[in-house]
Amino acid sequence: MSSCNPFSVNFSGSSQDLFNKVSSLIHQHNGTITGSPTGGTFSVPIPVFGVVAGTFDVSGQTCKIHVTQRSFFLPCSSIESFVKSNIPTVLAAEIEDF
């Protein structure tokens, strides 16, 4: 397993809303998240690739993510791209939409 360089994602809305909705998504995909809207850890099983795990830290409207565990076959750029394209939009959806 390998880690990635930390990266940041800007979001709108409250950190509590972001935490609630991301937590729901992670749990729906059999993952775990611990912590609070200001920071914590996550782990999500990815079919074929194993687990993606890491930490997050929220300050203002920015979430800093550090992936600490991933398959060598899953590029950091793919993880970062997926997160950056999905975190800002997760707040636009209602939790019932997931």
Protein backbone atom coordinates (compact mmCIF):
# COMPACT_ATOMS: atom_id res chain seq x y z
CA MET A 1 0.00 0.00 0.00
CA SER A 2 1.09 3.53 -0.73
CA SER A 3 0.15 7.06 0.22
CA CYS A 4 -0.46 10.27 -1.77
CA ASN A 5 0.55 13.87 -1.24
CA PRO A 6 -2.12 15.81 0.67
CA PHE A 7 -4.49 17.92 -1.42
CA SER A 8 -7.22 20.47 -0.67
CA VAL A 9 -10.78 20.79 -1.92
CA ASN A 10 -12.93 23.90 -1.54
CA PHE A 11 -16.63 23.44 -0.79
CA SER A 12 -19.68 25.56 -0.11
CA GLY A 13 -22.16 25.13 2.71
CA SER A 14 -21.42 24.09 6.26
CA SER A 15 -18.79 21.60 7.33
CA GLN A 16 -21.52 19.75 9.27
CA ASP A 17 -23.59 19.25 6.10
CA LEU A 18 -20.50 18.09 4.22
CA PHE A 19 -19.59 15.64 7.00
CA ASN A 20 -23.12 14.24 7.20
CA LYS A 21 -23.45 13.69 3.47
CA VAL A 22 -19.96 12.31 2.91
CA SER A 23 -20.44 10.01 5.93
CA SER A 24 -23.64 8.69 4.41
CA LEU A 25 -21.93 8.02 1.08
CA ILE A 26 -18.99 6.28 2.73
CA HIS A 27 -21.29 4.07 4.83
CA GLN A 28 -23.37 3.17 1.77
CA HIS A 29 -20.17 1.86 0.17
CA ASN A 30 -19.30 -0.23 3.25
CA GLY A 31 -16.65 2.21 4.44
CA THR A 32 -15.99 3.84 7.78
CA ILE A 33 -15.47 7.44 8.83
CA THR A 34 -14.56 8.67 12.29
CA GLY A 35 -14.15 12.15 13.67
CA SER A 36 -16.19 15.28 13.34
CA PRO A 37 -16.91 18.01 10.78
CA THR A 38 -13.47 19.47 11.55
CA GLY A 39 -11.40 16.35 10.89
CA GLY A 40 -10.94 12.63 11.21
CA THR A 41 -10.19 9.46 9.29
CA PHE A 42 -11.87 7.46 6.54
CA SER A 43 -11.55 4.05 4.91
CA VAL A 44 -13.44 2.86 1.83
CA PRO A 45 -13.13 -0.53 0.12
CA ILE A 46 -12.65 -0.19 -3.65
CA PRO A 47 -13.47 -3.31 -5.70
CA VAL A 48 -10.36 -4.81 -7.31
CA PHE A 49 -8.08 -2.14 -5.78
CA GLY A 50 -8.47 -2.88 -2.07
CA VAL A 51 -8.89 0.00 0.37
CA VAL A 52 -8.47 3.75 0.10
CA ALA A 53 -7.91 5.25 3.55
CA GLY A 54 -6.70 8.52 4.95
CA THR A 55 -7.31 11.60 7.03
CA PHE A 56 -9.21 14.83 6.50
CA ASP A 57 -9.00 18.25 8.13
CA VAL A 58 -11.51 21.04 7.56
CA SER A 59 -10.68 24.71 7.99
CA GLY A 60 -13.24 27.25 6.82
CA GLN A 61 -14.46 26.22 3.37
CA THR A 62 -11.46 24.00 2.61
CA CYS A 63 -11.07 20.28 3.26
CA LYS A 64 -7.48 18.98 3.27
CA ILE A 65 -7.28 15.26 2.45
CA HIS A 66 -4.30 12.97 2.94
CA VAL A 67 -4.65 9.50 1.43
CA THR A 68 -2.45 7.26 3.58
CA GLN A 69 -3.37 3.89 2.08
CA ARG A 70 -4.13 2.86 -1.51
CA SER A 71 -3.20 0.23 -4.06
CA PHE A 72 -0.17 0.93 -6.23
CA PHE A 73 -2.51 0.29 -9.17
CA LEU A 74 -4.81 3.19 -8.23
CA PRO A 75 -3.04 6.46 -9.10
CA CYS A 76 -3.14 9.36 -6.65
CA SER A 77 -4.22 11.61 -9.52
CA SER A 78 -7.34 9.45 -10.05
CA ILE A 79 -8.29 9.62 -6.37
CA GLU A 80 -7.71 13.38 -6.23
CA SER A 81 -9.67 13.96 -9.43
CA PHE A 82 -12.61 11.86 -8.17
CA VAL A 83 -12.73 13.69 -4.83
CA LYS A 84 -12.36 17.15 -6.36
CA SER A 85 -15.14 16.49 -8.85
CA ASN A 86 -17.52 15.06 -6.24
CA ILE A 87 -17.09 16.93 -2.94
CA PRO A 88 -18.34 20.31 -4.22
CA THR A 89 -21.39 18.62 -5.77
CA VAL A 90 -22.29 16.48 -2.75
CA LEU A 91 -23.64 19.56 -1.00
CA ALA A 92 -25.93 20.35 -3.94
CA ALA A 93 -27.75 17.04 -3.52
CA GLU A 94 -30.14 16.15 -0.78
CA ILE A 95 -29.11 13.26 1.43
CA GLU A 96 -32.18 11.34 0.26
CA ASP A 97 -30.76 11.42 -3.30
CA PHE A 98 -27.94 9.07 -2.32
